[in-house]
């Protein structure tokens, strides 16, 4: 395992990866911790900011190009930027079920599933985890 491939990449990539890893760890904590408490709300705002950073930074990453400089993963970023405020709005309206579903969907889809795709051969995170 070596961070060299990540640190040698374009600046948006380490920013994207570090925000995603922080959001993953914080997301696990949020899923396990008691809900509705001040710490849950505070950490939730940090998680939303991290996820926004993950989604926005992806628009400067063009390693995979299927249509111009973009790939289907950029659709996930747009989806994330749309669902985040929706999920926050649902929490503020005390619609806990919709908030929970939205946040779990973002965590599992935008972090876990998308994160697993970064481990495919030829990707930077594959080099970080498994070597060149």
C-alpha atoms as a PDB file:
ATOM      1  CA  UNK A   1       0.000   0.000   0.000  1.00  0.00           C
ATOM      2  CA  UNK A   2       1.371   3.384  -1.026  1.00  0.00           C
ATOM      3  CA  UNK A   3      -0.143   6.858  -1.107  1.00  0.00           C
ATOM      4  CA  UNK A   4       2.326   7.933  -3.814  1.00  0.00           C
ATOM      5  CA  UNK A   5      -0.074   7.421  -6.776  1.00  0.00           C
ATOM      6  CA  UNK A   6      -2.710   9.499  -4.992  1.00  0.00           C
ATOM      7  CA  UNK A   7      -0.326  12.266  -4.003  1.00  0.00           C
ATOM      8  CA  UNK A   8       1.151  12.441  -7.526  1.00  0.00           C
ATOM      9  CA  UNK A   9      -2.283  12.798  -9.145  1.00  0.00           C
ATOM     10  CA  UNK A  10      -3.943  16.046 -10.206  1.00  0.00           C
ATOM     11  CA  UNK A  11      -4.960  18.137  -7.132  1.00  0.00           C
ATOM     12  CA  UNK A  12      -8.670  17.372  -7.473  1.00  0.00           C
ATOM     13  CA  UNK A  13      -8.069  13.630  -7.066  1.00  0.00           C
ATOM     14  CA  UNK A  14      -6.461  13.641  -3.588  1.00  0.00           C
ATOM     15  CA  UNK A  15      -9.057  16.200  -2.443  1.00  0.00           C
ATOM     16  CA  UNK A  16     -11.851  13.993  -3.804  1.00  0.00           C
ATOM     17  CA  UNK A  17     -10.412  10.808  -2.307  1.00  0.00           C
ATOM     18  CA  UNK A  18      -9.694  12.270   1.120  1.00  0.00           C
ATOM     19  CA  UNK A  19     -13.170  13.821   1.353  1.00  0.00           C
ATOM     20  CA  UNK A  20     -14.726  10.505   0.277  1.00  0.00           C
ATOM     21  CA  UNK A  21     -12.731   8.521   2.837  1.00  0.00           C
ATOM     22  CA  UNK A  22     -13.604  10.987   5.599  1.00  0.00           C
ATOM     23  CA  UNK A  23     -17.279  10.887   4.571  1.00  0.00           C
ATOM     24  CA  UNK A  24     -17.195   7.085   4.617  1.00  0.00           C
ATOM     25  CA  UNK A  25     -15.759   6.926   8.149  1.00  0.00           C
ATOM     26  CA  UNK A  26     -18.110   9.627   9.404  1.00  0.00           C
ATOM     27  CA  UNK A  27     -21.038   7.915   7.656  1.00  0.00           C
ATOM     28  CA  UNK A  28     -20.327   4.651   9.487  1.00  0.00           C
ATOM     29  CA  UNK A  29     -20.272   6.579  12.767  1.00  0.00           C
ATOM     30  CA  UNK A  30     -23.538   8.327  11.881  1.00  0.00           C
ATOM     31  CA  UNK A  31     -25.269   5.066  10.973  1.00  0.00           C
ATOM     32  CA  UNK A  32     -24.199   3.448  14.266  1.00  0.00           C
ATOM     33  CA  UNK A  33     -24.724   6.403  16.634  1.00  0.00           C
ATOM     34  CA  UNK A  34     -27.981   7.543  18.255  1.00  0.00           C
ATOM     35  CA  UNK A  35     -30.147   9.676  15.977  1.00  0.00           C
ATOM     36  CA  UNK A  36     -31.690  13.071  16.609  1.00  0.00           C
ATOM     37  CA  UNK A  37     -29.024  14.175  19.070  1.00  0.00           C
ATOM     38  CA  UNK A  38     -26.902  17.304  18.837  1.00  0.00           C
ATOM     39  CA  UNK A  39     -23.794  15.265  17.928  1.00  0.00           C
ATOM     40  CA  UNK A  40     -25.774  13.499  15.165  1.00  0.00           C
ATOM     41  CA  UNK A  41     -26.924  16.813  13.726  1.00  0.00           C
ATOM     42  CA  UNK A  42     -23.466  18.401  13.994  1.00  0.00           C
ATOM     43  CA  UNK A  43     -21.687  15.440  12.421  1.00  0.00           C
ATOM     44  CA  UNK A  44     -24.474  15.274   9.848  1.00  0.00           C
ATOM     45  CA  UNK A  45     -23.704  18.807   8.656  1.00  0.00           C
ATOM     46  CA  UNK A  46     -20.024  17.885   8.383  1.00  0.00           C
ATOM     47  CA  UNK A  47     -20.983  14.763   6.408  1.00  0.00           C
ATOM     48  CA  UNK A  48     -23.152  16.826   4.051  1.00  0.00           C
ATOM     49  CA  UNK A  49     -20.253  19.242   3.476  1.00  0.00           C
ATOM     50  CA  UNK A  50     -17.873  16.343   2.801  1.00  0.00           C
ATOM     51  CA  UNK A  51     -20.309  14.756   0.364  1.00  0.00           C
ATOM     52  CA  UNK A  52     -20.728  18.095  -1.382  1.00  0.00           C
ATOM     53  CA  UNK A  53     -16.950  18.316  -1.663  1.00  0.00           C
ATOM     54  CA  UNK A  54     -16.801  14.773  -3.071  1.00  0.00           C
ATOM     55  CA  UNK A  55     -19.474  15.523  -5.668  1.00  0.00           C
ATOM     56  CA  UNK A  56     -18.144  18.933  -6.705  1.00  0.00           C
ATOM     57  CA  UNK A  57     -14.508  17.832  -6.906  1.00  0.00           C
ATOM     58  CA  UNK A  58     -15.521  14.998  -9.253  1.00  0.00           C
ATOM     59  CA  UNK A  59     -16.211  17.548 -11.991  1.00  0.00           C
ATOM     60  CA  UNK A  60     -12.448  18.213 -12.178  1.00  0.00           C
ATOM     61  CA  UNK A  61     -11.623  14.507 -12.523  1.00  0.00           C
ATOM     62  CA  UNK A  62     -11.612  13.277 -16.112  1.00  0.00           C
ATOM     63  CA  UNK A  63      -9.740   9.964 -15.929  1.00  0.00           C
ATOM     64  CA  UNK A  64     -12.678   8.124 -17.501  1.00  0.00           C
ATOM     65  CA  UNK A  65     -14.154   9.858 -20.536  1.00  0.00           C
ATOM     66  CA  UNK A  66     -17.228   8.530 -22.281  1.00  0.00           C
ATOM     67  CA  UNK A  67     -18.861  11.741 -23.470  1.00  0.00           C
ATOM     68  CA  UNK A  68     -16.499  14.663 -23.837  1.00  0.00           C
ATOM     69  CA  UNK A  69     -14.691  15.111 -20.536  1.00  0.00           C
ATOM     70  CA  UNK A  70     -17.459  13.379 -18.579  1.00  0.00           C
ATOM     71  CA  UNK A  71     -18.439   9.856 -17.594  1.00  0.00           C
ATOM     72  CA  UNK A  72     -21.534   8.299 -15.999  1.00  0.00           C
ATOM     73  CA  UNK A  73     -19.999   8.873 -12.579  1.00  0.00           C
ATOM     74  CA  UNK A  74     -20.646  12.588 -13.090  1.00  0.00           C
ATOM     75  CA  UNK A  75     -24.371  11.796 -13.224  1.00  0.00           C
ATOM     76  CA  UNK A  76     -23.975  10.323  -9.744  1.00  0.00           C
ATOM     77  CA  UNK A  77     -22.386  13.601  -8.650  1.00  0.00           C
ATOM     78  CA  UNK A  78     -25.343  15.586  -9.990  1.00  0.00           C
ATOM     79  CA  UNK A  79     -27.711  13.151  -8.266  1.00  0.00           C
ATOM     80  CA  UNK A  80     -25.764  13.563  -4.998  1.00  0.00           C
ATOM     81  CA  UNK A  81     -25.933  17.354  -5.217  1.00  0.00           C
ATOM     82  CA  UNK A  82     -29.702  17.098  -5.703  1.00  0.00           C
ATOM     83  CA  UNK A  83     -30.388  14.545  -2.956  1.00  0.00           C
ATOM     84  CA  UNK A  84     -28.243  16.188  -0.250  1.00  0.00           C
ATOM     85  CA  UNK A  85     -30.448  19.297   0.147  1.00  0.00           C
ATOM     86  CA  UNK A  86     -33.564  17.116  -0.157  1.00  0.00           C
ATOM     87  CA  UNK A  87     -32.349  14.888   2.692  1.00  0.00           C
ATOM     88  CA  UNK A  88     -31.493  17.901   4.861  1.00  0.00           C
ATOM     89  CA  UNK A  89     -34.890  19.438   4.115  1.00  0.00           C
ATOM     90  CA  UNK A  90     -36.609  16.194   5.134  1.00  0.00           C
ATOM     91  CA  UNK A  91     -34.671  16.134   8.408  1.00  0.00           C
ATOM     92  CA  UNK A  92     -35.577  19.753   9.146  1.00  0.00           C
ATOM     93  CA  UNK A  93     -39.250  18.888   8.525  1.00  0.00           C
ATOM     94  CA  UNK A  94     -38.888  15.898  10.905  1.00  0.00           C
ATOM     95  CA  UNK A  95     -39.722  13.480   8.092  1.00  0.00           C
ATOM     96  CA  UNK A  96     -37.319  10.924   9.515  1.00  0.00           C
ATOM     97  CA  UNK A  97     -38.154   8.060   7.147  1.00  0.00           C
ATOM     98  CA  UNK A  98     -37.469  10.052   3.988  1.00  0.00           C
ATOM     99  CA  UNK A  99     -34.330  11.546   5.544  1.00  0.00           C
ATOM    100  CA  UNK A 100     -33.054   8.104   6.566  1.00  0.00           C
ATOM    101  CA  UNK A 101     -33.739   6.556   3.138  1.00  0.00           C
ATOM    102  CA  UNK A 102     -32.027   9.434   1.332  1.00  0.00           C
ATOM    103  CA  UNK A 103     -28.941   9.377   3.503  1.00  0.00           C
ATOM    104  CA  UNK A 104     -28.590   5.583   3.388  1.00  0.00           C
ATOM    105  CA  UNK A 105     -29.034   5.698  -0.402  1.00  0.00           C
ATOM    106  CA  UNK A 106     -26.277   8.330  -0.691  1.00  0.00           C
ATOM    107  CA  UNK A 107     -23.972   6.477   1.670  1.00  0.00           C
ATOM    108  CA  UNK A 108     -24.403   3.108  -0.016  1.00  0.00           C
ATOM    109  CA  UNK A 109     -24.512   4.307  -3.620  1.00  0.00           C
ATOM    110  CA  UNK A 110     -22.297   7.381  -3.765  1.00  0.00           C
ATOM    111  CA  UNK A 111     -19.687   6.134  -1.283  1.00  0.00           C
ATOM    112  CA  UNK A 112     -19.704   2.347  -1.014  1.00  0.00           C
ATOM    113  CA  UNK A 113     -20.615   1.266  -4.560  1.00  0.00           C
ATOM    114  CA  UNK A 114     -18.767   4.119  -6.287  1.00  0.00           C
ATOM    115  CA  UNK A 115     -15.824   3.541  -3.943  1.00  0.00           C
ATOM    116  CA  UNK A 116     -15.642  -0.120  -4.904  1.00  0.00           C
ATOM    117  CA  UNK A 117     -15.377   0.908  -8.567  1.00  0.00           C
ATOM    118  CA  UNK A 118     -12.283   2.955  -7.716  1.00  0.00           C
ATOM    119  CA  UNK A 119     -10.569  -0.299  -6.759  1.00  0.00           C
ATOM    120  CA  UNK A 120     -10.754  -1.695 -10.306  1.00  0.00           C
ATOM    121  CA  UNK A 121      -7.409  -2.307 -12.044  1.00  0.00           C
ATOM    122  CA  UNK A 122      -6.081   0.779 -13.801  1.00  0.00           C
ATOM    123  CA  UNK A 123      -7.604   3.204 -11.302  1.00  0.00           C
ATOM    124  CA  UNK A 124      -5.511   5.292  -8.905  1.00  0.00           C
ATOM    125  CA  UNK A 125      -7.051   3.816  -5.753  1.00  0.00           C
ATOM    126  CA  UNK A 126      -6.274   0.321  -7.060  1.00  0.00           C
ATOM    127  CA  UNK A 127      -2.620   1.386  -7.250  1.00  0.00           C
ATOM    128  CA  UNK A 128      -2.817   2.877  -3.749  1.00  0.00           C
ATOM    129  CA  UNK A 129      -4.299  -0.252  -2.192  1.00  0.00           C
ATOM    130  CA  UNK A 130      -2.787  -3.069  -4.279  1.00  0.00           C
ATOM    131  CA  UNK A 131       0.339  -1.449  -5.781  1.00  0.00           C
ATOM    132  CA  UNK A 132       1.225  -0.849  -9.451  1.00  0.00           C
END
